Structure formats: structure tokens, C-alpha cells
Protein backbone atom coordinates (compact mmCIF):
# COMPACT_ATOMS: atom_id res chain seq x y z
CA MET A 1 -15.33 5.48 -55.17
CA LEU A 2 -18.55 5.37 -53.13
CA ILE A 3 -18.07 1.65 -52.58
CA GLN A 4 -14.61 2.25 -51.10
CA LEU A 5 -15.87 5.15 -48.91
CA ARG A 6 -18.79 2.99 -47.69
CA ARG A 7 -16.40 0.12 -46.87
CA SER A 8 -14.08 2.50 -44.99
CA ILE A 9 -17.01 3.93 -42.92
CA VAL A 10 -18.32 0.44 -42.11
CA ALA A 11 -14.85 -0.71 -41.11
CA ALA A 12 -14.28 2.39 -38.93
CA ILE A 13 -17.68 1.90 -37.20
CA PHE A 14 -17.02 -1.86 -36.76
CA PHE A 15 -13.62 -1.29 -35.15
CA ALA A 16 -14.88 1.60 -33.00
CA LEU A 17 -17.61 -0.66 -31.65
CA LEU A 18 -15.20 -3.58 -31.21
CA CYS A 19 -12.24 -1.68 -29.72
CA GLY A 20 -14.18 1.14 -28.04
CA ILE A 21 -17.10 -0.72 -26.52
CA ALA A 22 -17.00 -4.53 -26.79
CA TYR A 23 -13.38 -5.01 -25.67
CA PRO A 24 -13.51 -2.62 -22.67
CA LEU A 25 -16.84 -4.22 -21.52
CA ALA A 26 -15.41 -7.68 -21.86
CA GLU A 27 -12.22 -6.66 -19.89
CA THR A 28 -14.32 -5.01 -17.20
CA GLY A 29 -16.64 -8.04 -16.96
CA LEU A 30 -13.73 -10.48 -16.67
CA GLY A 31 -12.06 -8.30 -14.10
CA GLN A 32 -15.18 -8.00 -11.98
CA ALA A 33 -15.85 -11.75 -12.32
CA PHE A 34 -12.40 -13.00 -11.30
CA MET A 35 -10.80 -10.04 -9.37
CA SER A 36 -13.61 -7.81 -8.18
CA HIS A 37 -11.76 -6.55 -5.11
CA GLN A 38 -8.81 -5.39 -7.09
CA THR A 39 -10.70 -3.95 -10.02
CA SER A 40 -13.00 -2.00 -7.72
CA GLY A 41 -9.98 -0.29 -6.21
CA SER A 42 -9.60 -2.42 -3.11
CA ILE A 43 -11.47 0.13 -1.07
CA GLY A 44 -12.03 -0.68 2.60
CA PRO A 45 -13.34 1.39 5.49
CA ASN A 46 -10.03 3.22 5.81
CA GLY A 47 -9.09 3.66 2.15
CA SER A 48 -7.48 1.39 -0.39
CA VAL A 49 -5.27 -1.36 0.79
CA LEU A 50 -3.19 -0.89 -2.33
CA ILE A 51 -1.98 2.61 -1.22
CA GLY A 52 -0.36 3.40 2.08
CA GLN A 53 -2.72 5.29 4.36
CA PRO A 54 -1.57 7.82 6.95
CA TRP A 55 -2.11 6.75 10.53
CA LYS A 56 -1.73 9.27 13.35
CA GLY A 57 -0.63 8.50 16.90
CA THR A 58 0.82 5.62 18.80
CA LYS A 59 -2.38 3.60 18.83
CA TRP A 60 -1.86 2.50 15.26
CA PHE A 61 0.76 0.70 13.25
CA HIS A 62 2.52 2.87 10.68
CA GLY A 63 3.72 2.02 7.26
CA ARG A 64 6.69 3.46 5.38
CA PRO A 65 6.87 7.22 5.44
CA ASN A 66 5.16 8.89 2.51
CA LEU A 67 6.86 11.56 0.57
CA ASP A 68 6.98 15.05 1.91
CA ALA A 69 4.65 16.18 -0.85
CA PRO A 70 1.42 14.26 -0.12
CA THR A 71 0.02 14.57 -3.64
CA ALA A 72 3.15 13.24 -5.33
CA SER A 73 4.26 9.80 -6.01
CA GLY A 74 7.66 8.55 -7.05
CA PRO A 75 11.14 8.63 -5.59
CA THR A 76 12.70 11.64 -4.03
CA ASN A 77 15.88 11.23 -6.02
CA LEU A 78 17.95 11.87 -2.98
CA GLY A 79 21.16 9.85 -3.12
CA PRO A 80 22.88 7.97 -0.29
CA ARG A 81 25.26 10.88 0.32
CA SER A 82 22.54 13.54 0.40
CA LYS A 83 22.58 15.70 3.48
CA VAL A 84 18.83 16.33 3.05
CA LEU A 85 18.10 12.57 3.07
CA GLU A 86 20.35 12.17 6.08
CA ALA A 87 18.45 14.84 7.94
CA HIS A 88 15.12 13.28 7.05
CA VAL A 89 16.20 9.92 8.33
CA ALA A 90 17.75 11.30 11.54
CA ARG A 91 14.50 13.16 12.24
CA ARG A 92 12.42 10.03 11.60
CA ILE A 93 14.71 7.84 13.84
CA ALA A 94 14.44 10.36 16.63
CA ALA A 95 10.60 10.44 16.31
CA TRP A 96 10.40 6.66 16.46
CA ARG A 97 12.74 6.40 19.43
CA SER A 98 10.71 9.10 21.31
CA VAL A 99 7.75 6.66 21.29
CA GLY A 100 9.77 3.66 22.34
CA VAL A 101 10.34 2.04 18.96
CA ASN A 102 13.71 0.91 17.67
CA PRO A 103 12.96 1.58 13.97
CA THR A 104 13.98 -0.65 11.11
CA SER A 105 15.36 0.95 7.99
CA GLU A 106 12.04 0.52 6.31
CA LEU A 107 10.28 2.69 8.92
CA VAL A 108 12.60 5.70 8.23
CA THR A 109 12.90 5.54 4.45
CA SER A 110 10.15 5.89 1.90
CA SER A 111 9.51 3.37 -0.82
CA GLY A 112 10.19 4.05 -4.47
CA SER A 113 6.62 5.19 -5.08
CA GLY A 114 6.20 6.78 -1.65
CA LEU A 115 2.83 5.03 -1.46
CA ASP A 116 3.71 1.47 -0.35
CA PRO A 117 0.97 -0.03 1.80
CA ASP A 118 3.03 -2.86 3.18
CA VAL A 119 5.93 -3.28 5.63
CA ASN A 120 8.01 -6.32 6.32
CA PRO A 121 7.16 -8.35 9.43
CA ALA A 122 10.21 -6.95 11.38
CA SER A 123 8.90 -3.43 10.97
CA ALA A 124 5.50 -4.42 12.27
CA TYR A 125 6.92 -6.35 15.20
CA ALA A 126 9.14 -3.33 16.12
CA GLN A 127 5.92 -1.32 16.68
CA VAL A 128 4.23 -3.90 18.90
CA PRO A 129 5.37 -2.39 22.28
CA MET A 130 4.30 1.12 21.22
CA VAL A 131 0.79 -0.05 20.15
CA ALA A 132 0.29 -2.37 23.06
CA LYS A 133 1.17 0.40 25.53
CA ALA A 134 -1.05 2.98 23.89
CA ARG A 135 -3.98 0.63 23.75
CA HIS A 136 -3.38 -0.88 27.18
CA LEU A 137 -3.27 -4.35 25.65
CA PRO A 138 -0.85 -7.20 26.49
CA ALA A 139 2.07 -7.16 24.05
CA ALA A 140 1.56 -10.85 23.44
CA VAL A 141 -1.90 -10.22 22.07
CA VAL A 142 -0.74 -7.48 19.67
CA HIS A 143 2.24 -9.64 18.63
CA HIS A 144 -0.13 -12.54 17.87
CA LEU A 145 -2.29 -10.17 15.81
CA VAL A 146 0.75 -9.14 13.76
CA THR A 147 1.67 -12.76 13.29
CA THR A 148 -1.77 -13.60 11.89
CA MET A 149 -1.49 -10.70 9.43
CA VAL A 150 1.90 -11.74 7.92
CA ARG A 151 1.40 -12.73 4.28
CA GLY A 152 3.82 -14.93 2.43
CA PRO A 153 5.37 -14.11 -0.94
CA GLN A 154 2.89 -13.81 -3.76
CA LEU A 155 2.25 -17.12 -5.45
CA GLY A 156 4.59 -18.65 -2.89
CA PHE A 157 7.79 -17.38 -4.44
CA LEU A 158 7.45 -13.76 -5.66
CA GLY A 159 8.81 -11.19 -3.18
CA ALA A 160 9.17 -11.43 0.59
CA PRO A 161 6.75 -11.81 3.43
CA TYR A 162 4.79 -8.60 4.22
CA VAL A 163 2.14 -7.11 6.36
CA ASP A 164 -0.54 -4.80 4.94
CA VAL A 165 -0.66 -1.97 7.44
CA THR A 166 -4.25 -0.95 6.58
CA GLN A 167 -5.60 -4.40 7.10
CA LEU A 168 -3.53 -4.79 10.29
CA ASN A 169 -5.00 -1.60 11.71
CA GLU A 170 -8.51 -2.62 10.74
CA ALA A 171 -7.98 -5.92 12.58
CA LEU A 172 -6.49 -3.96 15.50
CA ALA A 173 -9.59 -1.80 15.79
CA THR A 174 -11.66 -4.90 16.42
CA LEU A 175 -9.58 -5.98 19.42
CA ARG A 176 -11.08 -5.40 22.82
């Protein structure tokens, strides 16, 4: 009986060390070695590039609208015939038009998570006149900046081209 108890305790300690310490350390080490930016949270000077950041004013490019509850993530569950969704979209369209932007559908509807950091290139290009005017820059310069920030599909075939709004605004801040 003692032999079986001793074997069980040794096996439990072995697997606790293997699964609780060795494996997590190996995974962390591999992640840091091969993808350190992602495993460290992709934190930049303005927050993570993996989560949409709020930008205030017309001097900045804006991503998809976040959810109305800033601490929540996930869809709103408002269907296409929802009057509440219709009111939200109408309010967002009016806000964009008031600053001279003809918004794309992406700029007036939130993503499935409500935290999407990227927009499609058309949504970024739609904001060029607003940003150029607010920053007193030639529209061609701002347009070129957006063009340089367009990223292709991941691995060349997964998804669609996109622009990371946080990285775009960080590059915009360096323009003189």
C-alpha cells in the first residue's frame, strides 16, 4: 500500500512540475523568442494595436465605433430591423457628415467584438479630407500616408487589406 501511495505522490509531483511549470515556461519562452511583440500584448505608446483605441477630434483617424458600454466586448445583438440600431447608425452618419466625411458602413457600425483595431482602406481614405483640414496638411500627403499603412491579407490570402488605426495615427503624429 505504501509503495502505491509513494508512486502516486511521485507521479502527481512529476506532472505538477511538468504541466504546471515546465510546459508554461517553454511556451512563454517560445512565444517571446518568435513572437515577442504579440506575446507582450503589442503595447505601443497609445495602447495595444490589437484593440481599437478611442481617438478624439478631427485631427485623428478613427476606427470602427466601440460598443456603447466601454467595458464590454461582444456584439450588441441588435438585428437589421432594430429601431435602436437604426437610430445609432443615423446618429453616427450625421456626426461623420458634420465633419465633412462621407462615411463607409464600417465607420458607422461596430465590429462583432466591438474592439476591432482595423478598418478597410476605403474607411481610412474617407477620413483623409477631415484629417488633412484639421492638421493643415495637403490632402495628398495624408492620402500617401494612408497608402503606406495599408496591409495586405495575412499570409497573402487570409482576409482583406486593412489599416491599423493606432499605427496610422502614430505615423500621423510624426508628420510635420
